Structures are given as C-alpha cells and as structure tokens.
Amino acid sequence: FSNIEVTLKEFRRQKKQHKACLDRCNASTPC
C-alpha cells in the first residue's frame, strides 16, 4: 500500500482511518 500516505504527527488517527482497508487485505489476500 505504498500509495497510501501516513504521517507521524497524525499517525494514531490515520491508523484508525486505514484499519478497515488493511483488515480486508489481510482477510482476502494475506501475505
């Protein structure tokens, strides 16, 4: 997911924001 940008200053919020996307990836195409 190199196209998704995160920052250290807003890391906690962005982690929650992208959690559903990462969970779907892990469930459907785990690596």
PDB file of all heavy atoms in Angstrom:
ATOM      1  N   PHE A   1       0.840  -1.197   0.000  1.00  0.00           N
ATOM      2  CA  PHE A   1       0.000   0.000   0.000  1.00  0.00           C
ATOM      3  C   PHE A   1       0.873   1.244   0.000  1.00  0.00           C
ATOM      4  O   PHE A   1       0.674   2.175   0.785  1.00  0.00           O
ATOM      5  CB  PHE A   1      -0.939   0.003   1.209  1.00  0.00           C
ATOM      6  CG  PHE A   1      -2.067  -0.979   1.107  1.00  0.00           C
ATOM      7  CD1 PHE A   1      -1.976  -2.221   1.710  1.00  0.00           C
ATOM      8  CD2 PHE A   1      -3.208  -0.682   0.384  1.00  0.00           C
ATOM      9  CE1 PHE A   1      -3.002  -3.134   1.612  1.00  0.00           C
ATOM     10  CE2 PHE A   1      -4.250  -1.591   0.277  1.00  0.00           C
ATOM     11  CZ  PHE A   1      -4.153  -2.826   0.886  1.00  0.00           C
ATOM     12  N   SER A   2       1.827   1.265  -0.915  1.00  0.00           N
ATOM     13  CA  SER A   2       2.759   2.385  -0.975  1.00  0.00           C
ATOM     14  C   SER A   2       2.092   3.673  -1.464  1.00  0.00           C
ATOM     15  O   SER A   2       2.672   4.754  -1.361  1.00  0.00           O
ATOM     16  CB  SER A   2       3.943   2.035  -1.890  1.00  0.00           C
ATOM     17  OG  SER A   2       3.492   1.719  -3.194  1.00  0.00           O
ATOM     18  N   ASN A   3       0.878   3.557  -2.000  1.00  0.00           N
ATOM     19  CA  ASN A   3       0.148   4.742  -2.493  1.00  0.00           C
ATOM     20  C   ASN A   3      -0.599   5.471  -1.385  1.00  0.00           C
ATOM     21  O   ASN A   3      -1.050   6.600  -1.578  1.00  0.00           O
ATOM     22  CB  ASN A   3      -0.851   4.325  -3.576  1.00  0.00           C
ATOM     23  CG  ASN A   3      -1.865   3.307  -3.061  1.00  0.00           C
ATOM     24  OD1 ASN A   3      -1.486   2.360  -2.367  1.00  0.00           O
ATOM     25  ND2 ASN A   3      -3.129   3.483  -3.386  1.00  0.00           N
ATOM     26  N   ILE A   4      -0.734   4.864  -0.211  1.00  0.00           N
ATOM     27  CA  ILE A   4      -1.413   5.496   0.919  1.00  0.00           C
ATOM     28  C   ILE A   4      -0.361   6.219   1.769  1.00  0.00           C
ATOM     29  O   ILE A   4       0.614   5.608   2.204  1.00  0.00           O
ATOM     30  CB  ILE A   4      -2.161   4.461   1.783  1.00  0.00           C
ATOM     31  CG1 ILE A   4      -3.277   3.795   0.972  1.00  0.00           C
ATOM     32  CG2 ILE A   4      -2.723   5.110   3.036  1.00  0.00           C
ATOM     33  CD1 ILE A   4      -4.022   2.718   1.738  1.00  0.00           C
ATOM     34  N   GLU A   5      -0.569   7.491   2.013  1.00  0.00           N
ATOM     35  CA  GLU A   5       0.407   8.258   2.775  1.00  0.00           C
ATOM     36  C   GLU A   5      -0.047   8.429   4.228  1.00  0.00           C
ATOM     37  O   GLU A   5      -1.215   8.711   4.493  1.00  0.00           O
ATOM     38  CB  GLU A   5       0.645   9.633   2.143  1.00  0.00           C
ATOM     39  CG  GLU A   5       1.783  10.404   2.804  1.00  0.00           C
ATOM     40  CD  GLU A   5       2.180  11.649   2.035  1.00  0.00           C
ATOM     41  OE1 GLU A   5       1.694  11.825   0.899  1.00  0.00           O
ATOM     42  OE2 GLU A   5       2.977  12.445   2.563  1.00  0.00           O
ATOM     43  N   VAL A   6       0.884   8.228   5.153  1.00  0.00           N
ATOM     44  CA  VAL A   6       0.635   8.477   6.568  1.00  0.00           C
ATOM     45  C   VAL A   6       1.721   9.409   7.093  1.00  0.00           C
ATOM     46  O   VAL A   6       2.791   9.531   6.490  1.00  0.00           O
ATOM     47  CB  VAL A   6       0.600   7.170   7.392  1.00  0.00           C
ATOM     48  CG1 VAL A   6      -0.542   6.284   6.954  1.00  0.00           C
ATOM     49  CG2 VAL A   6       1.919   6.408   7.281  1.00  0.00           C
ATOM     50  N   THR A   7       1.447  10.060   8.203  1.00  0.00           N
ATOM     51  CA  THR A   7       2.419  10.949   8.829  1.00  0.00           C
ATOM     52  C   THR A   7       2.544  10.595  10.309  1.00  0.00           C
ATOM     53  O   THR A   7       1.599  10.070  10.913  1.00  0.00           O
ATOM     54  CB  THR A   7       2.009  12.427   8.701  1.00  0.00           C
ATOM     55  OG1 THR A   7       0.781  12.638   9.412  1.00  0.00           O
ATOM     56  CG2 THR A   7       1.824  12.821   7.237  1.00  0.00           C
ATOM     57  N   LEU A   8       3.691  10.891  10.893  1.00  0.00           N
ATOM     58  CA  LEU A   8       3.895  10.591  12.308  1.00  0.00           C
ATOM     59  C   LEU A   8       3.040  11.494  13.191  1.00  0.00           C
ATOM     60  O   LEU A   8       2.564  11.063  14.247  1.00  0.00           O
ATOM     61  CB  LEU A   8       5.374  10.741  12.661  1.00  0.00           C
ATOM     62  CG  LEU A   8       6.327   9.764  11.948  1.00  0.00           C
ATOM     63  CD1 LEU A   8       7.754   9.982  12.423  1.00  0.00           C
ATOM     64  CD2 LEU A   8       5.919   8.313  12.166  1.00  0.00           C
ATOM     65  N   LYS A   9       2.818  12.737  12.780  1.00  0.00           N
ATOM     66  CA  LYS A   9       2.048  13.673  13.596  1.00  0.00           C
ATOM     67  C   LYS A   9       0.598  13.230  13.748  1.00  0.00           C
ATOM     68  O   LYS A   9      -0.018  13.445  14.791  1.00  0.00           O
ATOM     69  CB  LYS A   9       2.109  15.068  12.980  1.00  0.00           C
ATOM     70  CG  LYS A   9       3.466  15.753  13.142  1.00  0.00           C
ATOM     71  CD  LYS A   9       3.433  17.166  12.584  1.00  0.00           C
ATOM     72  CE  LYS A   9       4.786  17.844  12.775  1.00  0.00           C
ATOM     73  NZ  LYS A   9       4.789  19.240  12.229  1.00  0.00           N
ATOM     74  N   GLU A  10       0.035  12.633  12.713  1.00  0.00           N
ATOM     75  CA  GLU A  10      -1.364  12.207  12.768  1.00  0.00           C
ATOM     76  C   GLU A  10      -1.477  10.687  12.689  1.00  0.00           C
ATOM     77  O   GLU A  10      -2.477  10.150  12.204  1.00  0.00           O
ATOM     78  CB  GLU A  10      -2.151  12.857  11.631  1.00  0.00           C
ATOM     79  CG  GLU A  10      -2.191  14.383  11.703  1.00  0.00           C
ATOM     80  CD  GLU A  10      -3.144  14.983  10.682  1.00  0.00           C
ATOM     81  OE1 GLU A  10      -4.299  14.502  10.606  1.00  0.00           O
ATOM     82  OE2 GLU A  10      -2.725  15.894   9.962  1.00  0.00           O
ATOM     83  N   PHE A  11      -0.469  10.016  13.183  1.00  0.00           N
ATOM     84  CA  PHE A  11      -0.389   8.571  12.989  1.00  0.00           C
ATOM     85  C   PHE A  11      -1.568   7.839  13.624  1.00  0.00           C
ATOM     86  O   PHE A  11      -2.174   6.963  12.995  1.00  0.00           O
ATOM     87  CB  PHE A  11       0.922   8.025  13.550  1.00  0.00           C
ATOM     88  CG  PHE A  11       1.123   6.562  13.285  1.00  0.00           C
ATOM     89  CD1 PHE A  11       1.643   6.145  12.066  1.00  0.00           C
ATOM     90  CD2 PHE A  11       0.745   5.599  14.208  1.00  0.00           C
ATOM     91  CE1 PHE A  11       1.804   4.793  11.796  1.00  0.00           C
ATOM     92  CE2 PHE A  11       0.899   4.257  13.947  1.00  0.00           C
ATOM     93  CZ  PHE A  11       1.439   3.851  12.734  1.00  0.00           C
ATOM     94  N   ARG A  12      -1.898   8.175  14.849  1.00  0.00           N
ATOM     95  CA  ARG A  12      -2.950   7.453  15.555  1.00  0.00           C
ATOM     96  C   ARG A  12      -4.290   7.546  14.803  1.00  0.00           C
ATOM     97  O   ARG A  12      -4.992   6.552  14.612  1.00  0.00           O
ATOM     98  CB  ARG A  12      -3.103   8.001  16.972  1.00  0.00           C
ATOM     99  CG  ARG A  12      -3.937   7.122  17.895  1.00  0.00           C
ATOM    100  CD  ARG A  12      -3.988   7.723  19.290  1.00  0.00           C
ATOM    101  NE  ARG A  12      -2.677   7.780  19.893  1.00  0.00           N
ATOM    102  CZ  ARG A  12      -2.121   6.771  20.560  1.00  0.00           C
ATOM    103  NH1 ARG A  12      -2.777   5.642  20.693  1.00  0.00           N
ATOM    104  NH2 ARG A  12      -0.935   6.908  21.096  1.00  0.00           N
ATOM    105  N   ARG A  13      -4.617   8.760  14.328  1.00  0.00           N
ATOM    106  CA  ARG A  13      -5.861   8.941  13.596  1.00  0.00           C
ATOM    107  C   ARG A  13      -5.839   8.193  12.269  1.00  0.00           C
ATOM    108  O   ARG A  13      -6.812   7.533  11.881  1.00  0.00           O
ATOM    109  CB  ARG A  13      -6.108  10.439  13.341  1.00  0.00           C
ATOM    110  CG  ARG A  13      -7.390  10.717  12.545  1.00  0.00           C
ATOM    111  CD  ARG A  13      -7.523  12.187  12.193  1.00  0.00           C
ATOM    112  NE  ARG A  13      -6.465  12.637  11.297  1.00  0.00           N
ATOM    113  CZ  ARG A  13      -6.467  12.433   9.979  1.00  0.00           C
ATOM    114  NH1 ARG A  13      -7.463  11.761   9.405  1.00  0.00           N
ATOM    115  NH2 ARG A  13      -5.486  12.892   9.234  1.00  0.00           N
ATOM    116  N   GLN A  14      -4.699   8.268  11.558  1.00  0.00           N
ATOM    117  CA  GLN A  14      -4.607   7.627  10.260  1.00  0.00           C
ATOM    118  C   GLN A  14      -4.584   6.108  10.365  1.00  0.00           C
ATOM    119  O   GLN A  14      -5.075   5.402   9.480  1.00  0.00           O
ATOM    120  CB  GLN A  14      -3.364   8.147   9.527  1.00  0.00           C
ATOM    121  CG  GLN A  14      -3.497   9.606   9.116  1.00  0.00           C
ATOM    122  CD  GLN A  14      -2.196  10.217   8.646  1.00  0.00           C
ATOM    123  OE1 GLN A  14      -1.110   9.733   8.977  1.00  0.00           O
ATOM    124  NE2 GLN A  14      -2.286  11.281   7.869  1.00  0.00           N
ATOM    125  N   LYS A  15      -4.036   5.610  11.460  1.00  0.00           N
ATOM    126  CA  LYS A  15      -4.077   4.157  11.679  1.00  0.00           C
ATOM    127  C   LYS A  15      -5.525   3.675  11.770  1.00  0.00           C
ATOM    128  O   LYS A  15      -5.896   2.669  11.159  1.00  0.00           O
ATOM    129  CB  LYS A  15      -3.314   3.799  12.951  1.00  0.00           C
ATOM    130  CG  LYS A  15      -3.345   2.316  13.290  1.00  0.00           C
ATOM    131  CD  LYS A  15      -2.572   2.019  14.570  1.00  0.00           C
ATOM    132  CE  LYS A  15      -2.698   0.551  14.953  1.00  0.00           C
ATOM    133  NZ  LYS A  15      -1.946   0.235  16.189  1.00  0.00           N
ATOM    134  N   LYS A  16      -6.347   4.396  12.501  1.00  0.00           N
ATOM    135  CA  LYS A  16      -7.762   4.035  12.599  1.00  0.00           C
ATOM    136  C   LYS A  16      -8.449   4.187  11.241  1.00  0.00           C
ATOM    137  O   LYS A  16      -9.285   3.368  10.860  1.00  0.00           O
ATOM    138  CB  LYS A  16      -8.450   4.930  13.630  1.00  0.00           C
ATOM    139  CG  LYS A  16      -8.028   4.667  15.059  1.00  0.00           C
ATOM    140  CD  LYS A  16      -8.759   5.596  16.018  1.00  0.00           C
ATOM    141  CE  LYS A  16      -8.329   5.345  17.453  1.00  0.00           C
ATOM    142  NZ  LYS A  16      -9.006   6.279  18.401  1.00  0.00           N
ATOM    143  N   GLN A  17      -8.067   5.239  10.507  1.00  0.00           N
ATOM    144  CA  GLN A  17      -8.673   5.515   9.208  1.00  0.00           C
ATOM    145  C   GLN A  17      -8.434   4.378   8.218  1.00  0.00           C
ATOM    146  O   GLN A  17      -9.329   4.022   7.439  1.00  0.00           O
ATOM    147  CB  GLN A  17      -8.094   6.821   8.651  1.00  0.00           C
ATOM    148  CG  GLN A  17      -8.553   7.177   7.253  1.00  0.00           C
ATOM    149  CD  GLN A  17      -7.814   8.392   6.716  1.00  0.00           C
ATOM    150  OE1 GLN A  17      -7.174   9.136   7.457  1.00  0.00           O
ATOM    151  NE2 GLN A  17      -7.896   8.604   5.405  1.00  0.00           N
ATOM    152  N   HIS A  18      -7.253   3.787   8.241  1.00  0.00           N
ATOM    153  CA  HIS A  18      -6.887   2.770   7.246  1.00  0.00           C
ATOM    154  C   HIS A  18      -7.057   1.337   7.752  1.00  0.00           C
ATOM    155  O   HIS A  18      -6.779   0.396   7.012  1.00  0.00           O
ATOM    156  CB  HIS A  18      -5.447   2.982   6.807  1.00  0.00           C
ATOM    157  CG  HIS A  18      -5.206   4.316   6.163  1.00  0.00           C
ATOM    158  ND1 HIS A  18      -5.905   4.738   5.050  1.00  0.00           N
ATOM    159  CD2 HIS A  18      -4.360   5.330   6.486  1.00  0.00           C
ATOM    160  CE1 HIS A  18      -5.494   5.948   4.707  1.00  0.00           C
ATOM    161  NE2 HIS A  18      -4.563   6.332   5.561  1.00  0.00           N
ATOM    162  N   LYS A  19      -7.496   1.172   8.980  1.00  0.00           N
ATOM    163  CA  LYS A  19      -7.586  -0.169   9.563  1.00  0.00           C
ATOM    164  C   LYS A  19      -8.497  -1.092   8.762  1.00  0.00           C
ATOM    165  O   LYS A  19      -8.151  -2.244   8.492  1.00  0.00           O
ATOM    166  CB  LYS A  19      -8.075  -0.095  11.014  1.00  0.00           C
ATOM    167  CG  LYS A  19      -8.042  -1.453  11.724  1.00  0.00           C
ATOM    168  CD  LYS A  19      -8.488  -1.348  13.162  1.00  0.00           C
ATOM    169  CE  LYS A  19      -8.243  -2.655  13.904  1.00  0.00           C
ATOM    170  NZ  LYS A  19      -8.804  -3.842  13.251  1.00  0.00           N
ATOM    171  N   ALA A  20      -9.659  -0.592   8.348  1.00  0.00           N
ATOM    172  CA  ALA A  20     -10.608  -1.443   7.614  1.00  0.00           C
ATOM    173  C   ALA A  20      -9.997  -1.922   6.307  1.00  0.00           C
ATOM    174  O   ALA A  20     -10.158  -3.091   5.921  1.00  0.00           O
ATOM    175  CB  ALA A  20     -11.904  -0.679   7.353  1.00  0.00           C
ATOM    176  N   CYS A  21      -9.268  -1.047   5.619  1.00  0.00           N
ATOM    177  CA  CYS A  21      -8.623  -1.410   4.353  1.00  0.00           C
ATOM    178  C   CYS A  21      -7.578  -2.489   4.570  1.00  0.00           C
ATOM    179  O   CYS A  21      -7.513  -3.479   3.825  1.00  0.00           O
ATOM    180  CB  CYS A  21      -7.991  -0.159   3.737  1.00  0.00           C
ATOM    181  SG  CYS A  21      -6.995  -0.473   2.269  1.00  0.00           S
ATOM    182  N   LEU A  22      -6.766  -2.327   5.616  1.00  0.00           N
ATOM    183  CA  LEU A  22      -5.717  -3.315   5.904  1.00  0.00           C
ATOM    184  C   LEU A  22      -6.326  -4.639   6.353  1.00  0.00           C
ATOM    185  O   LEU A  22      -5.813  -5.713   6.013  1.00  0.00           O
ATOM    186  CB  LEU A  22      -4.758  -2.771   6.961  1.00  0.00           C
ATOM    187  CG  LEU A  22      -3.963  -1.531   6.548  1.00  0.00           C
ATOM    188  CD1 LEU A  22      -3.149  -0.992   7.722  1.00  0.00           C
ATOM    189  CD2 LEU A  22      -3.037  -1.850   5.373  1.00  0.00           C
ATOM    190  N   ASP A  23      -7.410  -4.570   7.116  1.00  0.00           N
ATOM    191  CA  ASP A  23      -8.077  -5.800   7.557  1.00  0.00           C
ATOM    192  C   ASP A  23      -8.659  -6.570   6.369  1.00  0.00           C
ATOM    193  O   ASP A  23      -8.597  -7.801   6.326  1.00  0.00           O
ATOM    194  CB  ASP A  23      -9.190  -5.475   8.558  1.00  0.00           C
ATOM    195  CG  ASP A  23      -8.642  -5.090   9.931  1.00  0.00           C
ATOM    196  OD1 ASP A  23      -7.434  -5.315  10.165  1.00  0.00           O
ATOM    197  OD2 ASP A  23      -9.412  -4.553  10.747  1.00  0.00           O
ATOM    198  N   ARG A  24      -9.255  -5.833   5.414  1.00  0.00           N
ATOM    199  CA  ARG A  24      -9.796  -6.501   4.215  1.00  0.00           C
ATOM    200  C   ARG A  24      -8.680  -7.177   3.427  1.00  0.00           C
ATOM    201  O   ARG A  24      -8.841  -8.295   2.936  1.00  0.00           O
ATOM    202  CB  ARG A  24     -10.523  -5.488   3.332  1.00  0.00           C
ATOM    203  CG  ARG A  24     -11.899  -5.084   3.823  1.00  0.00           C
ATOM    204  CD  ARG A  24     -12.698  -4.378   2.735  1.00  0.00           C
ATOM    205  NE  ARG A  24     -12.033  -3.172   2.261  1.00  0.00           N
ATOM    206  CZ  ARG A  24     -12.194  -1.969   2.803  1.00  0.00           C
ATOM    207  NH1 ARG A  24     -12.996  -1.812   3.838  1.00  0.00           N
ATOM    208  NH2 ARG A  24     -11.566  -0.922   2.292  1.00  0.00           N
ATOM    209  N   CYS A  25      -7.559  -6.485   3.286  1.00  0.00           N
ATOM    210  CA  CYS A  25      -6.414  -7.058   2.579  1.00  0.00           C
ATOM    211  C   CYS A  25      -5.941  -8.332   3.267  1.00  0.00           C
ATOM    212  O   CYS A  25      -5.692  -9.350   2.626  1.00  0.00           O
ATOM    213  CB  CYS A  25      -5.283  -6.031   2.507  1.00  0.00           C
ATOM    214  SG  CYS A  25      -3.745  -6.674   1.794  1.00  0.00           S
ATOM    215  N   ASN A  26      -5.837  -8.275   4.593  1.00  0.00           N
ATOM    216  CA  ASN A  26      -5.357  -9.420   5.354  1.00  0.00           C
ATOM    217  C   ASN A  26      -6.311 -10.606   5.270  1.00  0.00           C
ATOM    218  O   ASN A  26      -5.890 -11.761   5.277  1.00  0.00           O
ATOM    219  CB  ASN A  26      -5.140  -9.020   6.814  1.00  0.00           C
ATOM    220  CG  ASN A  26      -4.447 -10.100   7.620  1.00  0.00           C
ATOM    221  OD1 ASN A  26      -3.439 -10.645   7.199  1.00  0.00           O
ATOM    222  ND2 ASN A  26      -4.997 -10.407   8.775  1.00  0.00           N
ATOM    223  N   ALA A  27      -7.595 -10.315   5.157  1.00  0.00           N
ATOM    224  CA  ALA A  27      -8.592 -11.381   5.077  1.00  0.00           C
ATOM    225  C   ALA A  27      -8.697 -11.977   3.678  1.00  0.00           C
ATOM    226  O   ALA A  27      -8.860 -13.192   3.518  1.00  0.00           O
ATOM    227  CB  ALA A  27      -9.951 -10.856   5.515  1.00  0.00           C
ATOM    228  N   SER A  28      -8.573 -11.131   2.659  1.00  0.00           N
ATOM    229  CA  SER A  28      -8.805 -11.597   1.287  1.00  0.00           C
ATOM    230  C   SER A  28      -7.521 -11.991   0.558  1.00  0.00           C
ATOM    231  O   SER A  28      -7.510 -12.961  -0.202  1.00  0.00           O
ATOM    232  CB  SER A  28      -9.532 -10.516   0.482  1.00  0.00           C
ATOM    233  OG  SER A  28      -8.758  -9.320   0.448  1.00  0.00           O
ATOM    234  N   THR A  29      -6.460 -11.244   0.762  1.00  0.00           N
ATOM    235  CA  THR A  29      -5.178 -11.543   0.092  1.00  0.00           C
ATOM    236  C   THR A  29      -4.028 -11.442   1.096  1.00  0.00           C
ATOM    237  O   THR A  29      -3.157 -10.578   0.958  1.00  0.00           O
ATOM    238  CB  THR A  29      -4.919 -10.578  -1.079  1.00  0.00           C
ATOM    239  OG1 THR A  29      -4.997  -9.228  -0.590  1.00  0.00           O
ATOM    240  CG2 THR A  29      -5.916 -10.778  -2.196  1.00  0.00           C
ATOM    241  N   PRO A  30      -4.009 -12.286   2.112  1.00  0.00           N
ATOM    242  CA  PRO A  30      -2.944 -12.193   3.115  1.00  0.00           C
ATOM    243  C   PRO A  30      -1.578 -12.471   2.499  1.00  0.00           C
ATOM    244  O   PRO A  30      -1.453 -13.260   1.568  1.00  0.00           O
ATOM    245  CB  PRO A  30      -3.320 -13.268   4.136  1.00  0.00           C
ATOM    246  CG  PRO A  30      -4.126 -14.258   3.352  1.00  0.00           C
ATOM    247  CD  PRO A  30      -4.891 -13.437   2.353  1.00  0.00           C
ATOM    248  N   CYS A  31      -0.573 -11.789   3.011  1.00  0.00           N
ATOM    249  CA  CYS A  31       0.791 -12.013   2.532  1.00  0.00           C
ATOM    250  C   CYS A  31       1.664 -12.453   3.696  1.00  0.00           C
ATOM    251  O   CYS A  31       1.212 -12.493   4.842  1.00  0.00           O
ATOM    252  CB  CYS A  31       1.362 -10.738   1.898  1.00  0.00           C
ATOM    253  SG  CYS A  31       1.697  -9.431   3.103  1.00  0.00           S
TER     254      CYS A  31
END
